[in-house]
C-alpha atoms as a PDB file:
ATOM      1  CA  MET A   1      86.391  -9.850  46.810  1.00  0.00           C
ATOM      2  CA  SER A   2      85.101  -9.037  43.312  1.00  0.00           C
ATOM      3  CA  SER A   3      83.463 -11.452  40.928  1.00  0.00           C
ATOM      4  CA  ASN A   4      81.495 -11.232  37.588  1.00  0.00           C
ATOM      5  CA  SER A   5      77.657 -11.471  37.962  1.00  0.00           C
ATOM      6  CA  ASP A   6      77.467 -13.754  34.946  1.00  0.00           C
ATOM      7  CA  ASP A   7      79.327 -16.411  36.940  1.00  0.00           C
ATOM      8  CA  THR A   8      76.304 -16.875  39.213  1.00  0.00           C
ATOM      9  CA  LEU A   9      73.734 -17.628  36.369  1.00  0.00           C
ATOM     10  CA  PRO A  10      72.724 -21.245  35.909  1.00  0.00           C
ATOM     11  CA  PRO A  11      73.862 -22.948  32.738  1.00  0.00           C
ATOM     12  CA  PRO A  12      71.334 -23.025  29.852  1.00  0.00           C
ATOM     13  CA  MET A  13      69.051 -26.015  29.574  1.00  0.00           C
ATOM     14  CA  PRO A  14      70.071 -28.376  26.907  1.00  0.00           C
ATOM     15  CA  GLU A  15      67.743 -28.895  23.926  1.00  0.00           C
ATOM     16  CA  PRO A  16      65.687 -32.054  24.370  1.00  0.00           C
ATOM     17  CA  VAL A  17      66.721 -34.795  22.119  1.00  0.00           C
ATOM     18  CA  GLY A  18      64.215 -37.055  20.396  1.00  0.00           C
ATOM     19  CA  VAL A  19      61.024 -35.153  21.502  1.00  0.00           C
ATOM     20  CA  PRO A  20      58.665 -34.511  18.519  1.00  0.00           C
ATOM     21  CA  ALA A  21      57.256 -30.964  17.935  1.00  0.00           C
ATOM     22  CA  ALA A  22      53.558 -30.230  18.714  1.00  0.00           C
ATOM     23  CA  PRO A  23      51.364 -31.015  15.695  1.00  0.00           C
ATOM     24  CA  ALA A  24      49.681 -28.054  13.817  1.00  0.00           C
ATOM     25  CA  ALA A  25      45.839 -27.650  13.900  1.00  0.00           C
ATOM     26  CA  PRO A  26      44.243 -29.687  11.104  1.00  0.00           C
ATOM     27  CA  ALA A  27      42.812 -27.614   8.197  1.00  0.00           C
ATOM     28  CA  ALA A  28      38.972 -27.577   7.774  1.00  0.00           C
ATOM     29  CA  PRO A  29      37.872 -30.003   5.117  1.00  0.00           C
ATOM     30  CA  ALA A  30      36.550 -28.393   1.911  1.00  0.00           C
ATOM     31  CA  ALA A  31      32.717 -28.232   1.698  1.00  0.00           C
ATOM     32  CA  THR A  32      31.136 -30.617  -0.738  1.00  0.00           C
ATOM     33  CA  PRO A  33      28.802 -29.218  -3.467  1.00  0.00           C
ATOM     34  CA  ASN A  34      25.735 -30.522  -1.613  1.00  0.00           C
ATOM     35  CA  GLU A  35      26.733 -28.819   1.612  1.00  0.00           C
ATOM     36  CA  ALA A  36      27.346 -25.525  -0.206  1.00  0.00           C
ATOM     37  CA  LEU A  37      23.919 -25.773  -1.820  1.00  0.00           C
ATOM     38  CA  LEU A  38      22.254 -26.440   1.536  1.00  0.00           C
ATOM     39  CA  ALA A  39      24.023 -23.455   3.086  1.00  0.00           C
ATOM     40  CA  GLN A  40      22.867 -21.186   0.249  1.00  0.00           C
ATOM     41  CA  LEU A  41      19.301 -22.453   0.604  1.00  0.00           C
ATOM     42  CA  ALA A  42      19.386 -21.783   4.333  1.00  0.00           C
ATOM     43  CA  ARG A  43      20.629 -18.217   3.763  1.00  0.00           C
ATOM     44  CA  ASP A  44      17.903 -17.602   1.143  1.00  0.00           C
ATOM     45  CA  PHE A  45      15.252 -19.000   3.475  1.00  0.00           C
ATOM     46  CA  LEU A  46      16.314 -16.725   6.323  1.00  0.00           C
ATOM     47  CA  ARG A  47      16.338 -13.742   3.963  1.00  0.00           C
ATOM     48  CA  GLU A  48      12.815 -14.536   2.751  1.00  0.00           C
ATOM     49  CA  ARG A  49      11.557 -14.881   6.312  1.00  0.00           C
ATOM     50  CA  ARG A  50      13.014 -11.502   7.259  1.00  0.00           C
ATOM     51  CA  LEU A  51      11.394  -9.876   4.221  1.00  0.00           C
ATOM     52  CA  GLU A  52       8.093 -11.557   5.021  1.00  0.00           C
ATOM     53  CA  ARG A  53       8.173 -10.257   8.596  1.00  0.00           C
ATOM     54  CA  ARG A  54       8.941  -6.741   7.356  1.00  0.00           C
ATOM     55  CA  TRP A  55       6.085  -6.726   4.855  1.00  0.00           C
ATOM     56  CA  ARG A  56       3.718  -8.169   7.448  1.00  0.00           C
ATOM     57  CA  THR A  57       4.634  -5.320   9.756  1.00  0.00           C
ATOM     58  CA  VAL A  58       4.144  -2.772   6.961  1.00  0.00           C
ATOM     59  CA  PHE A  59       0.693  -4.133   6.087  1.00  0.00           C
ATOM     60  CA  ARG A  60      -0.358  -4.190   9.728  1.00  0.00           C
ATOM     61  CA  LEU A  61       0.680  -0.572  10.150  1.00  0.00           C
ATOM     62  CA  PHE A  62      -1.137   0.335   6.911  1.00  0.00           C
ATOM     63  CA  TRP A  63      -4.444  -1.252   7.970  1.00  0.00           C
ATOM     64  CA  LEU A  64      -4.103   0.194  11.450  1.00  0.00           C
ATOM     65  CA  GLY A  65      -3.618   3.663   9.957  1.00  0.00           C
ATOM     66  CA  LEU A  66      -6.542   3.164   7.578  1.00  0.00           C
ATOM     67  CA  ALA A  67      -8.782   2.043  10.436  1.00  0.00           C
ATOM     68  CA  ALA A  68      -7.797   5.105  12.448  1.00  0.00           C
ATOM     69  CA  LEU A  69      -8.538   7.301   9.422  1.00  0.00           C
ATOM     70  CA  LEU A  70     -11.971   5.714   8.988  1.00  0.00           C
ATOM     71  CA  VAL A  71     -12.845   6.229  12.640  1.00  0.00           C
ATOM     72  CA  TYR A  72     -11.673   9.855  12.504  1.00  0.00           C
ATOM     73  CA  SER A  73     -13.593  10.532   9.279  1.00  0.00           C
ATOM     74  CA  LEU A  74     -16.787   9.062  10.701  1.00  0.00           C
ATOM     75  CA  TRP A  75     -16.335  11.063  13.899  1.00  0.00           C
ATOM     76  CA  GLN A  76     -15.832  14.233  11.855  1.00  0.00           C
ATOM     77  CA  GLN A  77     -18.942  13.491   9.809  1.00  0.00           C
ATOM     78  CA  GLY A  78     -20.913  12.841  12.981  1.00  0.00           C
ATOM     79  CA  ARG A  79     -19.921  16.263  14.273  1.00  0.00           C
ATOM     80  CA  HIS A  80     -21.107  17.840  11.004  1.00  0.00           C
ATOM     81  CA  VAL A  81     -21.614  21.516  11.807  1.00  0.00           C
ATOM     82  CA  THR A  82     -20.437  23.176  14.982  1.00  0.00           C
ATOM     83  CA  PRO A  83     -23.472  24.672  16.724  1.00  0.00           C
ATOM     84  CA  THR A  84     -23.552  28.461  16.685  1.00  0.00           C
ATOM     85  CA  THR A  85     -25.800  31.077  18.184  1.00  0.00           C
ATOM     86  CA  VAL A  86     -25.075  33.593  15.430  1.00  0.00           C
ATOM     87  CA  PRO A  87     -28.092  34.121  13.154  1.00  0.00           C
ATOM     88  CA  HIS A  88     -27.241  32.712   9.754  1.00  0.00           C
ATOM     89  CA  THR A  89     -28.553  31.273   6.495  1.00  0.00           C
ATOM     90  CA  ALA A  90     -28.384  27.480   6.322  1.00  0.00           C
ATOM     91  CA  LEU A  91     -27.144  26.145   3.000  1.00  0.00           C
ATOM     92  CA  VAL A  92     -27.797  22.692   1.555  1.00  0.00           C
ATOM     93  CA  GLU A  93     -26.261  21.871  -1.817  1.00  0.00           C
ATOM     94  CA  VAL A  94     -28.118  19.760  -4.416  1.00  0.00           C
ATOM     95  CA  ARG A  95     -25.469  18.976  -7.007  1.00  0.00           C
ATOM     96  CA  GLY A  96     -25.218  16.365  -9.726  1.00  0.00           C
ATOM     97  CA  GLU A  97     -27.447  13.406 -10.402  1.00  0.00           C
ATOM     98  CA  ILE A  98     -30.154  12.701  -7.844  1.00  0.00           C
ATOM     99  CA  ALA A  99     -29.709   9.001  -7.215  1.00  0.00           C
ATOM    100  CA  VAL A 100     -28.668   6.458  -4.613  1.00  0.00           C
ATOM    101  CA  ASP A 101     -24.977   6.619  -3.643  1.00  0.00           C
ATOM    102  CA  THR A 102     -24.428  10.081  -5.124  1.00  0.00           C
ATOM    103  CA  ALA A 103     -23.783  13.444  -3.480  1.00  0.00           C
ATOM    104  CA  ALA A 104     -27.444  14.305  -4.120  1.00  0.00           C
ATOM    105  CA  SER A 105     -28.953  11.101  -2.732  1.00  0.00           C
ATOM    106  CA  ALA A 106     -31.959  11.315  -0.452  1.00  0.00           C
ATOM    107  CA  GLU A 107     -29.885   9.831   2.361  1.00  0.00           C
ATOM    108  CA  LEU A 108     -27.309  12.635   2.353  1.00  0.00           C
ATOM    109  CA  LEU A 109     -29.780  15.439   1.616  1.00  0.00           C
ATOM    110  CA  LEU A 110     -32.135  14.402   4.400  1.00  0.00           C
ATOM    111  CA  ALA A 111     -29.308  14.340   6.936  1.00  0.00           C
ATOM    112  CA  ALA A 112     -28.252  17.850   5.917  1.00  0.00           C
ATOM    113  CA  LEU A 113     -31.814  19.193   5.907  1.00  0.00           C
ATOM    114  CA  LYS A 114     -32.545  17.849   9.379  1.00  0.00           C
ATOM    115  CA  ASP A 115     -29.406  19.499  10.784  1.00  0.00           C
ATOM    116  CA  ALA A 116     -30.207  22.786   9.056  1.00  0.00           C
ATOM    117  CA  PHE A 117     -33.795  22.947  10.286  1.00  0.00           C
ATOM    118  CA  LYS A 118     -32.862  21.818  13.791  1.00  0.00           C
ATOM    119  CA  ASP A 119     -30.363  24.639  14.327  1.00  0.00           C
ATOM    120  CA  GLU A 120     -32.291  27.413  16.072  1.00  0.00           C
ATOM    121  CA  ALA A 121     -29.843  30.042  14.804  1.00  0.00           C
ATOM    122  CA  ALA A 122     -30.629  29.201  11.175  1.00  0.00           C
ATOM    123  CA  GLN A 123     -33.084  31.838   9.972  1.00  0.00           C
ATOM    124  CA  ALA A 124     -33.933  30.031   6.740  1.00  0.00           C
ATOM    125  CA  VAL A 125     -32.804  27.079   4.637  1.00  0.00           C
ATOM    126  CA  VAL A 126     -31.488  27.666   1.112  1.00  0.00           C
ATOM    127  CA  LEU A 127     -31.214  24.864  -1.428  1.00  0.00           C
ATOM    128  CA  ARG A 128     -28.515  25.737  -3.938  1.00  0.00           C
ATOM    129  CA  ILE A 129     -29.361  23.581  -6.943  1.00  0.00           C
ATOM    130  CA  ASN A 130     -27.234  22.583  -9.890  1.00  0.00           C
ATOM    131  CA  SER A 131     -28.643  19.263 -11.078  1.00  0.00           C
ATOM    132  CA  PRO A 132     -30.118  17.706 -14.236  1.00  0.00           C
ATOM    133  CA  GLY A 133     -32.457  15.573 -12.123  1.00  0.00           C
ATOM    134  CA  GLY A 134     -32.474  11.846 -11.622  1.00  0.00           C
ATOM    135  CA  SER A 135     -34.544   9.338  -9.697  1.00  0.00           C
ATOM    136  CA  PRO A 136     -38.165  10.384  -9.106  1.00  0.00           C
ATOM    137  CA  VAL A 137     -38.145   8.237  -5.970  1.00  0.00           C
ATOM    138  CA  GLN A 138     -35.136  10.020  -4.444  1.00  0.00           C
ATOM    139  CA  ALA A 139     -36.511  13.422  -5.472  1.00  0.00           C
ATOM    140  CA  GLY A 140     -39.905  12.578  -4.009  1.00  0.00           C
ATOM    141  CA  ILE A 141     -38.382  11.554  -0.680  1.00  0.00           C
ATOM    142  CA  VAL A 142     -36.483  14.843  -0.417  1.00  0.00           C
ATOM    143  CA  HIS A 143     -39.531  16.897  -1.485  1.00  0.00           C
ATOM    144  CA  ASP A 144     -41.774  15.291   1.113  1.00  0.00           C
ATOM    145  CA  GLU A 145     -39.174  15.690   3.869  1.00  0.00           C
ATOM    146  CA  ILE A 146     -38.767  19.400   3.100  1.00  0.00           C
ATOM    147  CA  LYS A 147     -42.506  19.896   3.475  1.00  0.00           C
ATOM    148  CA  ARG A 148     -42.531  17.986   6.763  1.00  0.00           C
ATOM    149  CA  LEU A 149     -39.592  19.939   8.207  1.00  0.00           C
ATOM    150  CA  LYS A 150     -41.091  23.275   7.115  1.00  0.00           C
ATOM    151  CA  LYS A 151     -44.265  22.459   8.995  1.00  0.00           C
ATOM    152  CA  LEU A 152     -42.390  21.155  12.028  1.00  0.00           C
ATOM    153  CA  HIS A 153     -39.928  24.049  12.434  1.00  0.00           C
ATOM    154  CA  GLY A 154     -41.733  26.903  10.709  1.00  0.00           C
ATOM    155  CA  LYS A 155     -38.697  28.025   8.716  1.00  0.00           C
ATOM    156  CA  PRO A 156     -38.830  29.343   5.154  1.00  0.00           C
ATOM    157  CA  VAL A 157     -37.077  27.453   2.374  1.00  0.00           C
ATOM    158  CA  TYR A 158     -35.624  29.101  -0.729  1.00  0.00           C
ATOM    159  CA  ALA A 159     -34.260  27.389  -3.828  1.00  0.00           C
ATOM    160  CA  VAL A 160     -31.398  29.109  -5.653  1.00  0.00           C
ATOM    161  CA  VAL A 161     -30.668  27.743  -9.110  1.00  0.00           C
ATOM    162  CA  GLU A 162     -27.198  28.027 -10.579  1.00  0.00           C
ATOM    163  CA  GLU A 163     -26.655  26.294 -13.937  1.00  0.00           C
ATOM    164  CA  MET A 164     -29.533  23.831 -14.041  1.00  0.00           C
ATOM    165  CA  CYS A 165     -32.653  22.782 -12.178  1.00  0.00           C
ATOM    166  CA  ALA A 166     -34.318  20.173 -14.364  1.00  0.00           C
ATOM    167  CA  SER A 167     -36.611  17.180 -13.950  1.00  0.00           C
ATOM    168  CA  GLY A 168     -36.124  15.643 -10.470  1.00  0.00           C
ATOM    169  CA  ALA A 169     -34.213  18.718  -9.318  1.00  0.00           C
ATOM    170  CA  TYR A 170     -37.249  20.872 -10.072  1.00  0.00           C
ATOM    171  CA  TYR A 171     -39.368  18.286  -8.238  1.00  0.00           C
ATOM    172  CA  ILE A 172     -37.322  19.154  -5.135  1.00  0.00           C
ATOM    173  CA  ALA A 173     -37.357  22.905  -5.830  1.00  0.00           C
ATOM    174  CA  ALA A 174     -41.163  22.882  -5.989  1.00  0.00           C
ATOM    175  CA  ALA A 175     -41.179  22.362  -2.212  1.00  0.00           C
ATOM    176  CA  ALA A 176     -39.454  25.723  -1.662  1.00  0.00           C
ATOM    177  CA  ASP A 177     -41.372  28.872  -0.746  1.00  0.00           C
ATOM    178  CA  GLU A 178     -39.595  30.810  -3.516  1.00  0.00           C
ATOM    179  CA  ILE A 179     -37.286  29.898  -6.396  1.00  0.00           C
ATOM    180  CA  TYR A 180     -34.452  32.234  -7.466  1.00  0.00           C
ATOM    181  CA  VAL A 181     -32.659  31.799 -10.787  1.00  0.00           C
ATOM    182  CA  ASP A 182     -30.093  33.414 -13.025  1.00  0.00           C
ATOM    183  CA  LYS A 183     -31.347  34.736 -16.348  1.00  0.00           C
ATOM    184  CA  ALA A 184     -29.387  31.994 -18.130  1.00  0.00           C
ATOM    185  CA  SER A 185     -30.218  29.101 -15.792  1.00  0.00           C
ATOM    186  CA  VAL A 186     -31.874  26.036 -17.329  1.00  0.00           C
ATOM    187  CA  VAL A 187     -35.196  25.291 -15.617  1.00  0.00           C
ATOM    188  CA  GLY A 188     -38.003  22.820 -16.230  1.00  0.00           C
ATOM    189  CA  SER A 189     -38.043  19.455 -18.023  1.00  0.00           C
ATOM    190  CA  ILE A 190     -41.146  18.409 -16.130  1.00  0.00           C
ATOM    191  CA  GLY A 191     -41.511  14.915 -17.501  1.00  0.00           C
ATOM    192  CA  VAL A 192     -40.536  11.282 -17.026  1.00  0.00           C
ATOM    193  CA  LEU A 193     -38.501   9.030 -19.276  1.00  0.00           C
ATOM    194  CA  MET A 194     -37.415   5.409 -19.501  1.00  0.00           C
ATOM    195  CA  ASP A 195     -34.778   4.685 -22.111  1.00  0.00           C
ATOM    196  CA  GLY A 196     -32.917   1.698 -23.458  1.00  0.00           C
ATOM    197  CA  PHE A 197     -31.686   0.021 -26.631  1.00  0.00           C
ATOM    198  CA  GLY A 198     -32.947  -2.713 -28.915  1.00  0.00           C
ATOM    199  CA  PHE A 199     -30.492  -5.151 -30.488  1.00  0.00           C
ATOM    200  CA  THR A 200     -32.815  -7.505 -32.355  1.00  0.00           C
ATOM    201  CA  GLY A 201     -31.879  -6.174 -35.808  1.00  0.00           C
ATOM    202  CA  LEU A 202     -28.151  -6.433 -35.102  1.00  0.00           C
ATOM    203  CA  MET A 203     -28.548  -9.918 -33.673  1.00  0.00           C
ATOM    204  CA  SER A 204     -30.408 -11.015 -36.805  1.00  0.00           C
ATOM    205  CA  LYS A 205     -27.606  -9.752 -39.036  1.00  0.00           C
ATOM    206  CA  LEU A 206     -24.985 -11.503 -36.923  1.00  0.00           C
ATOM    207  CA  GLY A 207     -26.980 -14.719 -36.779  1.00  0.00           C
ATOM    208  CA  VAL A 208     -27.337 -14.578 -32.998  1.00  0.00           C
ATOM    209  CA  GLU A 209     -30.411 -16.227 -31.500  1.00  0.00           C
ATOM    210  CA  ARG A 210     -31.884 -15.022 -28.209  1.00  0.00           C
ATOM    211  CA  ARG A 211     -32.910 -17.850 -25.889  1.00  0.00           C
ATOM    212  CA  LEU A 212     -34.846 -16.384 -22.973  1.00  0.00           C
ATOM    213  CA  LEU A 213     -36.620 -18.595 -20.443  1.00  0.00           C
ATOM    214  CA  THR A 214     -38.994 -16.984 -17.939  1.00  0.00           C
ATOM    215  CA  ALA A 215     -41.492 -18.091 -15.332  1.00  0.00           C
ATOM    216  CA  GLY A 216     -44.188 -15.460 -15.735  1.00  0.00           C
ATOM    217  CA  ASP A 217     -45.399 -13.971 -18.997  1.00  0.00           C
ATOM    218  CA  ASN A 218     -43.994 -10.492 -18.262  1.00  0.00           C
ATOM    219  CA  LYS A 219     -40.748 -11.404 -16.494  1.00  0.00           C
ATOM    220  CA  GLY A 220     -38.735 -10.577 -19.617  1.00  0.00           C
ATOM    221  CA  MET A 221     -40.529  -7.281 -20.117  1.00  0.00           C
ATOM    222  CA  LEU A 222     -38.516  -4.660 -22.047  1.00  0.00           C
ATOM    223  CA  ASP A 223     -35.665  -7.096 -22.625  1.00  0.00           C
ATOM    224  CA  PRO A 224     -33.350  -5.306 -25.127  1.00  0.00           C
ATOM    225  CA  PHE A 225     -32.564  -8.564 -26.966  1.00  0.00           C
ATOM    226  CA  SER A 226     -36.201  -9.473 -27.612  1.00  0.00           C
ATOM    227  CA  PRO A 227     -38.729  -7.838 -29.963  1.00  0.00           C
ATOM    228  CA  VAL A 228     -40.981  -5.161 -28.463  1.00  0.00           C
ATOM    229  CA  ASN A 229     -44.195  -6.560 -27.040  1.00  0.00           C
ATOM    230  CA  PRO A 230     -46.958  -3.960 -27.704  1.00  0.00           C
ATOM    231  CA  ARG A 231     -48.929  -4.950 -24.609  1.00  0.00           C
ATOM    232  CA  GLN A 232     -45.890  -4.634 -22.348  1.00  0.00           C
ATOM    233  CA  GLN A 233     -44.907  -1.362 -23.988  1.00  0.00           C
ATOM    234  CA  ALA A 234     -48.394   0.043 -23.324  1.00  0.00           C
ATOM    235  CA  TYR A 235     -48.138  -1.046 -19.694  1.00  0.00           C
ATOM    236  CA  ALA A 236     -44.778   0.730 -19.272  1.00  0.00           C
ATOM    237  CA  GLN A 237     -46.165   3.865 -20.915  1.00  0.00           C
ATOM    238  CA  ALA A 238     -49.143   3.876 -18.540  1.00  0.00           C
ATOM    239  CA  MET A 239     -46.753   3.623 -15.594  1.00  0.00           C
ATOM    240  CA  LEU A 240     -44.709   6.564 -16.893  1.00  0.00           C
ATOM    241  CA  ASP A 241     -47.874   8.603 -17.402  1.00  0.00           C
ATOM    242  CA  GLN A 242     -48.923   7.951 -13.822  1.00  0.00           C
ATOM    243  CA  ILE A 243     -45.527   9.097 -12.458  1.00  0.00           C
ATOM    244  CA  HIS A 244     -45.778  12.145 -14.710  1.00  0.00           C
ATOM    245  CA  GLN A 245     -49.138  13.027 -13.197  1.00  0.00           C
ATOM    246  CA  GLN A 246     -47.607  12.762  -9.732  1.00  0.00           C
ATOM    247  CA  PHE A 247     -44.889  15.194 -10.842  1.00  0.00           C
ATOM    248  CA  ILE A 248     -47.464  17.604 -12.278  1.00  0.00           C
ATOM    249  CA  ALA A 249     -49.484  17.523  -9.053  1.00  0.00           C
ATOM    250  CA  VAL A 250     -46.376  18.368  -7.010  1.00  0.00           C
ATOM    251  CA  VAL A 251     -45.538  21.347  -9.251  1.00  0.00           C
ATOM    252  CA  ARG A 252     -49.092  22.669  -9.195  1.00  0.00           C
ATOM    253  CA  GLU A 253     -49.257  22.371  -5.431  1.00  0.00           C
ATOM    254  CA  GLY A 254     -45.886  24.032  -4.903  1.00  0.00           C
ATOM    255  CA  ARG A 255     -46.287  26.884  -7.380  1.00  0.00           C
ATOM    256  CA  GLY A 256     -49.988  27.492  -6.904  1.00  0.00           C
ATOM    257  CA  LYS A 257     -51.417  30.541  -8.655  1.00  0.00           C
ATOM    258  CA  ARG A 258     -47.955  31.768  -9.628  1.00  0.00           C
ATOM    259  CA  LEU A 259     -47.765  29.064 -12.302  1.00  0.00           C
ATOM    260  CA  LYS A 260     -48.892  30.200 -15.768  1.00  0.00           C
ATOM    261  CA  GLU A 261     -49.646  26.906 -17.470  1.00  0.00           C
ATOM    262  CA  THR A 262     -49.366  26.421 -21.215  1.00  0.00           C
ATOM    263  CA  PRO A 263     -49.579  23.244 -23.305  1.00  0.00           C
ATOM    264  CA  ASP A 264     -45.777  23.030 -23.094  1.00  0.00           C
ATOM    265  CA  THR A 265     -45.450  23.473 -19.320  1.00  0.00           C
ATOM    266  CA  PHE A 266     -45.553  19.759 -18.548  1.00  0.00           C
ATOM    267  CA  SER A 267     -44.310  18.508 -21.913  1.00  0.00           C
ATOM    268  CA  GLY A 268     -40.708  17.983 -20.804  1.00  0.00           C
ATOM    269  CA  LEU A 269     -39.427  21.222 -22.325  1.00  0.00           C
ATOM    270  CA  PHE A 270     -36.970  23.385 -20.418  1.00  0.00           C
ATOM    271  CA  TRP A 271     -36.468  27.153 -20.425  1.00  0.00           C
ATOM    272  CA  ASN A 272     -33.874  29.722 -19.468  1.00  0.00           C
ATOM    273  CA  GLY A 273     -34.231  31.593 -16.191  1.00  0.00           C
ATOM    274  CA  GLU A 274     -35.876  34.624 -17.735  1.00  0.00           C
ATOM    275  CA  GLN A 275     -38.563  32.509 -19.399  1.00  0.00           C
ATOM    276  CA  ALA A 276     -39.020  30.495 -16.200  1.00  0.00           C
ATOM    277  CA  VAL A 277     -39.834  33.661 -14.245  1.00  0.00           C
ATOM    278  CA  GLN A 278     -42.298  34.754 -16.925  1.00  0.00           C
ATOM    279  CA  GLN A 279     -44.083  31.399 -16.788  1.00  0.00           C
ATOM    280  CA  GLY A 280     -44.172  31.233 -13.009  1.00  0.00           C
ATOM    281  CA  LEU A 281     -41.768  28.321 -12.747  1.00  0.00           C
ATOM    282  CA  ALA A 282     -39.455  30.641 -10.777  1.00  0.00           C
ATOM    283  CA  ASP A 283     -40.048  33.798  -8.752  1.00  0.00           C
ATOM    284  CA  HIS A 284     -37.078  36.159  -8.950  1.00  0.00           C
ATOM    285  CA  PHE A 285     -33.508  36.599 -10.123  1.00  0.00           C
ATOM    286  CA  GLY A 286     -30.792  36.212  -7.536  1.00  0.00           C
ATOM    287  CA  ASN A 287     -27.895  34.131  -6.262  1.00  0.00           C
ATOM    288  CA  LEU A 288     -27.088  32.685  -2.851  1.00  0.00           C
ATOM    289  CA  ASP A 289     -25.464  35.833  -1.460  1.00  0.00           C
ATOM    290  CA  TYR A 290     -28.365  37.972  -2.612  1.00  0.00           C
ATOM    291  CA  VAL A 291     -30.941  35.707  -0.973  1.00  0.00           C
ATOM    292  CA  ALA A 292     -28.989  35.531   2.291  1.00  0.00           C
ATOM    293  CA  ARG A 293     -28.452  39.292   2.415  1.00  0.00           C
ATOM    294  CA  GLU A 294     -31.692  40.717   1.007  1.00  0.00           C
ATOM    295  CA  VAL A 295     -34.300  38.029   1.629  1.00  0.00           C
ATOM    296  CA  VAL A 296     -33.248  36.086   4.722  1.00  0.00           C
ATOM    297  CA  LYS A 297     -31.494  39.117   6.256  1.00  0.00           C
ATOM    298  CA  ALA A 298     -28.749  36.846   7.610  1.00  0.00           C
ATOM    299  CA  GLU A 299     -25.595  37.426   5.584  1.00  0.00           C
ATOM    300  CA  GLU A 300     -23.523  34.732   7.241  1.00  0.00           C
ATOM    301  CA  ILE A 301     -23.913  31.439   5.393  1.00  0.00           C
ATOM    302  CA  ILE A 302     -23.204  28.061   6.985  1.00  0.00           C
ATOM    303  CA  ASP A 303     -22.990  24.974   4.779  1.00  0.00           C
ATOM    304  CA  TYR A 304     -24.845  21.978   6.223  1.00  0.00           C
ATOM    305  CA  THR A 305     -24.302  19.786   3.164  1.00  0.00           C
ATOM    306  CA  THR A 306     -23.238  16.234   3.988  1.00  0.00           C
ATOM    307  CA  HIS A 307     -20.203  15.312   1.894  1.00  0.00           C
ATOM    308  CA  ASP A 308     -18.514  11.979   1.300  1.00  0.00           C
ATOM    309  CA  ASN A 309     -15.445  11.945   3.511  1.00  0.00           C
ATOM    310  CA  PHE A 310     -11.954  10.935   2.403  1.00  0.00           C
ATOM    311  CA  ALA A 311     -12.313   7.384   3.672  1.00  0.00           C
ATOM    312  CA  GLU A 312     -15.441   6.774   1.618  1.00  0.00           C
ATOM    313  CA  ARG A 313     -13.881   8.243  -1.534  1.00  0.00           C
ATOM    314  CA  PHE A 314     -10.798   6.073  -1.000  1.00  0.00           C
ATOM    315  CA  ALA A 315     -12.861   2.921  -0.535  1.00  0.00           C
ATOM    316  CA  LYS A 316     -15.027   3.618  -3.575  1.00  0.00           C
ATOM    317  CA  ARG A 317     -12.121   4.478  -5.860  1.00  0.00           C
ATOM    318  CA  PHE A 318     -10.183   1.317  -5.153  1.00  0.00           C
ATOM    319  CA  GLY A 319     -13.209  -0.931  -5.120  1.00  0.00           C
ATOM    320  CA  ALA A 320     -12.754  -1.970  -1.518  1.00  0.00           C
ATOM    321  CA  ALA A 321     -16.064  -3.725  -1.232  1.00  0.00           C
ATOM    322  CA  ILE A 322     -15.455  -4.917   2.307  1.00  0.00           C
ATOM    323  CA  GLY A 323     -14.181  -1.561   3.541  1.00  0.00           C
ATOM    324  CA  TYR A 324     -16.926   0.395   1.824  1.00  0.00           C
ATOM    325  CA  GLY A 325     -19.553  -1.984   3.153  1.00  0.00           C
ATOM    326  CA  ALA A 326     -18.203  -1.493   6.660  1.00  0.00           C
ATOM    327  CA  ILE A 327     -18.349   2.285   6.270  1.00  0.00           C
ATOM    328  CA  LYS A 328     -21.918   2.132   5.019  1.00  0.00           C
ATOM    329  CA  ALA A 329     -22.910  -0.176   7.858  1.00  0.00           C
ATOM    330  CA  LEU A 330     -21.434   2.219  10.404  1.00  0.00           C
ATOM    331  CA  ARG A 331     -22.973   5.406   9.071  1.00  0.00           C
ATOM    332  CA  GLU A 332     -26.113   4.206   7.303  1.00  0.00           C
ATOM    333  CA  LEU A 333     -29.440   5.517   8.479  1.00  0.00           C
ATOM    334  CA  PRO A 334     -32.407   3.117   8.687  1.00  0.00           C
ATOM    335  CA  PRO A 335     -33.375   2.198   5.117  1.00  0.00           C
ATOM    336  CA  LEU A 336     -35.976   4.389   3.436  1.00  0.00           C
ATOM    337  CA  ARG A 337     -38.862   2.400   1.997  1.00  0.00           C
END
């Protein structure tokens, strides 16, 4: 018996009558101006917070890196010179103005000198000098320490002058056993000065009146805005004369019979190297290599000079008073009085 398969399918369901269609999802209401403003403010706030966190992280990494650099620099400075058993000539540079917080300060020079004398392989200590002088106090400290170390360790000290060895620099050189110069070096200026300016005439022309109050008759001594007081001027001159005599005594002691004194020797004049040798202010002509090779007989030269490290230069240049003070506190020797 054959039949069509379509005959067995159920009839289609009739469409429902009177049943409403499902309602569509309601559209979001439009944001009011106040709500839009609040949303923008919220987005700006979150953006600012993210930027703030990023910069905070950057600054933390920067200070952490700087701190690590400071520690490394101080550690490197503490190491100074690697000990060696090879006989050598120890070099200490005296360059620039002799004053506190300079490369030629007593603090830095003393540290270098102590290391140089302490090294048993150092056959002699050479001061290579290129300085116009500076503080008589700083120069005196270095001079006295050289004499003490010479006596303690029994090592010779030679001064080698490059361009200039004047005033306080010669004060230091006088402690050396011998002084070597170039024919054109500038040597001498054995004297003391105190300079300044006076503005009383200018103030009078401008109609400016100086009102200075002091407790103590001499507290305003040498004030540049007040007229010169003859009694105070005489006192200052006597003080300079006394320091000058101290300088003269040091030179006479250091040079001994080699010094050929003339009326100009201690007048503050300076001479070229050739004249200095003739007058006994220097001994021979020669540079650092010559002294190491021919005099010390130790051609290898090791520099013991204490230099400002990168961290200190960075702190000084940018005026980081706190950072520089921390560096000084970490590396400062007991104060010299």
